[in-house]
Amino acid sequence: MLLYLLAHALGAKIRIDDLRRIPDWSESALELEAKITASAERYRFMERAIVVGRGLNYANAFEFALKMMETCYVVAERFSSADFLHGPIAMVDRSFPMFLFAPSGVTWEGTRDMLERLAALKAETLIFTDASNTAALELNPRAVVIPTKLSRRSIHPQELFTPIPYIIPAQIFAASLAEWKGIDPDQPRTLSKVTRTL
């Protein structure tokens, strides 16, 4: 959020009204907790997974994979969709768990192509998107969908503003998955809260 504000202050084409909507979109994401917890049960025996994001949501792929590794002990690799299609897709087979951040916008075309390839491989795919990306929902109905109804009307986030509201359900998913696995997500084994640097 600070970086958005800094970009705005430096003259980027970021409207302050869009920034003011991020807390509302984030609140909408938090309202999905019960649904996300129920969805996470399906993955309780998962030991490995891949998380894919593109553009600004590439950072979300790293964050979500990290959360699954440290709280669920799932070996989670993270890739951009472009990098993933140039080799790592070879490890995907039937029921391989894949998680994708799928906003509409400039990165959607590449994400759509990837979802089509994963469907052909019969991968186990869950996407994080919002209600504006109806094409994603038609292509991959297993989804965590952030509602975008704000103030009695739908205001969909531009892709630029999706990272914050999209990572919230992913973090809830990781915490819920840990609990389904019988792990306390607040007390990961061998993890130190203090990092020493020299």
Protein backbone atom coordinates (compact mmCIF):
# COMPACT_ATOMS: atom_id res chain seq x y z
CA MET A 1 0.00 0.00 0.00
CA LEU A 2 2.90 2.31 0.75
CA LEU A 3 4.33 1.64 -2.69
CA TYR A 4 0.99 2.47 -4.31
CA LEU A 5 0.92 5.75 -2.38
CA LEU A 6 4.52 6.49 -3.31
CA ALA A 7 3.80 5.81 -6.99
CA HIS A 8 0.76 8.08 -6.78
CA ALA A 9 2.84 10.84 -5.15
CA LEU A 10 5.46 10.51 -7.90
CA GLY A 11 2.81 11.01 -10.61
CA ALA A 12 1.87 7.48 -11.65
CA LYS A 13 -1.58 7.06 -13.17
CA ILE A 14 -3.01 5.75 -9.91
CA ARG A 15 -6.24 7.33 -8.72
CA ILE A 16 -6.55 7.81 -4.99
CA ASP A 17 -10.19 6.62 -5.24
CA ASP A 18 -8.94 3.22 -6.44
CA LEU A 19 -6.59 3.02 -3.48
CA ARG A 20 -9.47 3.80 -1.14
CA ARG A 21 -11.31 0.74 -2.50
CA ILE A 22 -8.53 -1.72 -1.59
CA PRO A 23 -9.72 -2.01 2.06
CA ASP A 24 -13.25 -2.80 0.81
CA TRP A 25 -12.00 -5.47 -1.60
CA SER A 26 -9.86 -6.86 1.23
CA GLU A 27 -12.86 -6.95 3.55
CA SER A 28 -14.77 -8.86 0.86
CA ALA A 29 -11.91 -11.37 0.75
CA LEU A 30 -12.06 -11.83 4.53
CA GLU A 31 -15.77 -12.67 4.29
CA LEU A 32 -14.81 -15.82 2.34
CA GLU A 33 -13.12 -17.48 5.32
CA ALA A 34 -15.76 -20.20 5.85
CA LYS A 35 -15.82 -21.11 2.14
CA ILE A 36 -12.02 -21.15 1.93
CA THR A 37 -11.75 -23.35 5.02
CA ALA A 38 -14.18 -25.83 3.45
CA SER A 39 -12.23 -25.76 0.16
CA ALA A 40 -8.92 -26.43 1.93
CA GLU A 41 -10.13 -29.79 3.28
CA ARG A 42 -9.87 -31.25 -0.23
CA TYR A 43 -6.08 -30.71 -0.08
CA ARG A 44 -5.40 -32.08 3.43
CA PHE A 45 -3.22 -34.92 2.09
CA MET A 46 -1.30 -32.71 -0.33
CA GLU A 47 2.47 -32.92 -0.01
CA ARG A 48 3.56 -30.94 -3.06
CA ALA A 49 2.08 -28.14 -5.14
CA ILE A 50 2.84 -25.39 -7.59
CA VAL A 51 1.69 -21.78 -7.31
CA VAL A 52 1.61 -19.54 -10.37
CA GLY A 53 1.20 -15.79 -10.66
CA ARG A 54 2.07 -13.22 -13.28
CA GLY A 55 2.80 -9.51 -13.12
CA LEU A 56 2.25 -8.11 -9.64
CA ASN A 57 0.64 -11.39 -8.57
CA TYR A 58 3.97 -13.14 -9.13
CA ALA A 59 4.86 -11.83 -5.67
CA ASN A 60 1.67 -13.47 -4.38
CA ALA A 61 2.83 -16.79 -5.82
CA PHE A 62 5.97 -16.51 -3.69
CA GLU A 63 4.05 -15.50 -0.57
CA PHE A 64 1.42 -18.24 -0.89
CA ALA A 65 4.03 -20.93 -1.57
CA LEU A 66 6.05 -19.77 1.42
CA LYS A 67 2.99 -19.91 3.68
CA MET A 68 2.20 -23.47 2.56
CA MET A 69 5.79 -24.54 3.14
CA GLU A 70 6.17 -23.02 6.60
CA THR A 71 2.70 -23.73 8.01
CA CYS A 72 1.58 -26.89 6.16
CA TYR A 73 4.93 -28.53 5.31
CA VAL A 74 3.90 -28.75 1.67
CA VAL A 75 6.72 -28.53 -0.87
CA ALA A 76 5.36 -25.61 -2.90
CA GLU A 77 7.21 -24.28 -5.92
CA ARG A 78 6.35 -20.90 -7.40
CA PHE A 79 6.55 -19.72 -10.98
CA SER A 80 5.39 -17.10 -13.40
CA SER A 81 3.11 -18.65 -16.02
CA ALA A 82 5.64 -17.84 -18.76
CA ASP A 83 8.48 -19.61 -16.95
CA PHE A 84 6.31 -22.54 -15.97
CA LEU A 85 5.36 -23.34 -19.56
CA HIS A 86 9.04 -23.49 -20.58
CA GLY A 87 9.89 -26.71 -18.74
CA PRO A 88 8.39 -27.22 -15.28
CA ILE A 89 4.98 -28.07 -16.75
CA ALA A 90 6.53 -31.44 -17.57
CA MET A 91 6.10 -32.52 -13.94
CA VAL A 92 2.33 -31.99 -14.00
CA ASP A 93 0.15 -35.05 -14.31
CA ARG A 94 -3.38 -36.06 -13.35
CA SER A 95 -4.46 -34.59 -9.99
CA PHE A 96 -1.26 -32.57 -9.55
CA PRO A 97 -2.20 -29.62 -7.26
CA MET A 98 -1.90 -26.26 -8.97
CA PHE A 99 -2.86 -22.84 -7.58
CA LEU A 100 -3.10 -19.81 -9.86
CA PHE A 101 -3.75 -16.12 -9.34
CA ALA A 102 -6.05 -15.22 -12.22
CA PRO A 103 -7.05 -11.55 -12.47
CA SER A 104 -8.55 -10.17 -15.64
CA GLY A 105 -6.24 -7.71 -17.36
CA VAL A 106 -2.99 -7.86 -19.29
CA THR A 107 -1.81 -11.14 -17.74
CA TRP A 108 -5.11 -12.96 -18.27
CA GLU A 109 -4.34 -14.18 -21.80
CA GLY A 110 -1.25 -16.10 -20.63
CA THR A 111 -3.06 -17.41 -17.56
CA ARG A 112 -5.97 -18.57 -19.72
CA ASP A 113 -3.60 -20.49 -22.01
CA MET A 114 -2.04 -22.13 -18.99
CA LEU A 115 -5.42 -23.11 -17.50
CA GLU A 116 -6.34 -24.73 -20.82
CA ARG A 117 -3.09 -26.74 -20.79
CA LEU A 118 -3.65 -27.77 -17.17
CA ALA A 119 -7.22 -28.85 -17.95
CA ALA A 120 -5.90 -31.07 -20.75
CA LEU A 121 -3.46 -32.63 -18.25
CA LYS A 122 -6.33 -33.06 -15.72
CA ALA A 123 -4.37 -31.18 -13.06
CA GLU A 124 -6.08 -30.36 -9.75
CA THR A 125 -6.40 -26.61 -10.23
CA LEU A 126 -7.69 -23.92 -7.87
CA ILE A 127 -7.70 -20.28 -8.94
CA PHE A 128 -7.87 -17.02 -7.01
CA THR A 129 -9.83 -14.40 -8.92
CA ASP A 130 -12.63 -11.88 -8.54
CA ALA A 131 -16.18 -11.75 -9.84
CA SER A 132 -15.17 -9.70 -12.88
CA ASN A 133 -13.23 -12.55 -14.49
CA THR A 134 -16.16 -14.63 -15.74
CA ALA A 135 -13.94 -16.25 -18.39
CA ALA A 136 -11.73 -17.70 -15.65
CA LEU A 137 -14.74 -19.09 -13.82
CA GLU A 138 -16.10 -20.72 -16.99
CA LEU A 139 -12.73 -22.28 -17.70
CA ASN A 140 -11.97 -23.36 -14.13
CA PRO A 141 -15.01 -23.41 -11.81
CA ARG A 142 -12.93 -24.48 -8.79
CA ALA A 143 -12.14 -21.01 -7.60
CA VAL A 144 -11.91 -18.65 -4.67
CA VAL A 145 -13.86 -15.66 -5.98
CA ILE A 146 -13.57 -12.29 -4.30
CA PRO A 147 -16.90 -10.50 -4.51
CA THR A 148 -16.66 -6.99 -5.92
CA LYS A 149 -19.94 -5.49 -4.77
CA LEU A 150 -19.13 -2.18 -3.13
CA SER A 151 -21.73 0.36 -2.06
CA ARG A 152 -24.60 -1.43 -3.83
CA ARG A 153 -22.76 -1.64 -7.14
CA SER A 154 -20.03 -3.81 -8.56
CA ILE A 155 -16.67 -2.13 -8.84
CA HIS A 156 -14.09 -4.55 -10.15
CA PRO A 157 -10.43 -4.07 -9.27
CA GLN A 158 -8.06 -3.37 -12.11
CA GLU A 159 -5.28 -5.94 -12.21
CA LEU A 160 -2.92 -3.34 -10.75
CA PHE A 161 -4.89 -3.38 -7.48
CA THR A 162 -5.46 -7.16 -7.11
CA PRO A 163 -2.35 -8.27 -5.15
CA ILE A 164 -3.59 -7.20 -1.71
CA PRO A 165 -7.15 -8.57 -1.92
CA TYR A 166 -5.94 -11.73 -3.71
CA ILE A 167 -3.29 -12.70 -1.15
CA ILE A 168 -5.71 -12.58 1.77
CA PRO A 169 -7.72 -15.67 0.72
CA ALA A 170 -4.48 -17.49 -0.11
CA GLN A 171 -3.17 -16.83 3.40
CA ILE A 172 -6.49 -17.98 4.89
CA PHE A 173 -6.25 -21.11 2.73
CA ALA A 174 -2.76 -21.90 4.07
CA ALA A 175 -3.85 -21.42 7.70
CA SER A 176 -6.96 -23.57 7.13
CA LEU A 177 -4.98 -26.27 5.37
CA ALA A 178 -2.56 -26.45 8.29
CA GLU A 179 -5.48 -26.99 10.64
CA TRP A 180 -6.95 -29.73 8.39
CA LYS A 181 -3.53 -31.38 8.55
CA GLY A 182 -3.55 -31.16 12.36
CA ILE A 183 -0.78 -28.55 12.44
CA ASP A 184 -0.84 -25.34 14.48
CA PRO A 185 -0.15 -22.65 11.85
CA ASP A 186 1.00 -20.26 14.56
CA GLN A 187 3.70 -22.65 15.82
CA PRO A 188 5.56 -24.06 12.79
CA ARG A 189 8.23 -26.58 13.71
CA THR A 190 11.85 -25.42 13.71
CA LEU A 191 10.86 -21.93 12.54
CA SER A 192 12.50 -19.06 14.38
CA LYS A 193 10.77 -15.70 14.55
CA VAL A 194 14.18 -14.05 14.88
CA THR A 195 16.57 -13.82 11.94
CA ARG A 196 20.17 -12.96 12.71
CA THR A 197 22.34 -11.30 10.10
CA LEU A 198 25.99 -10.43 10.31
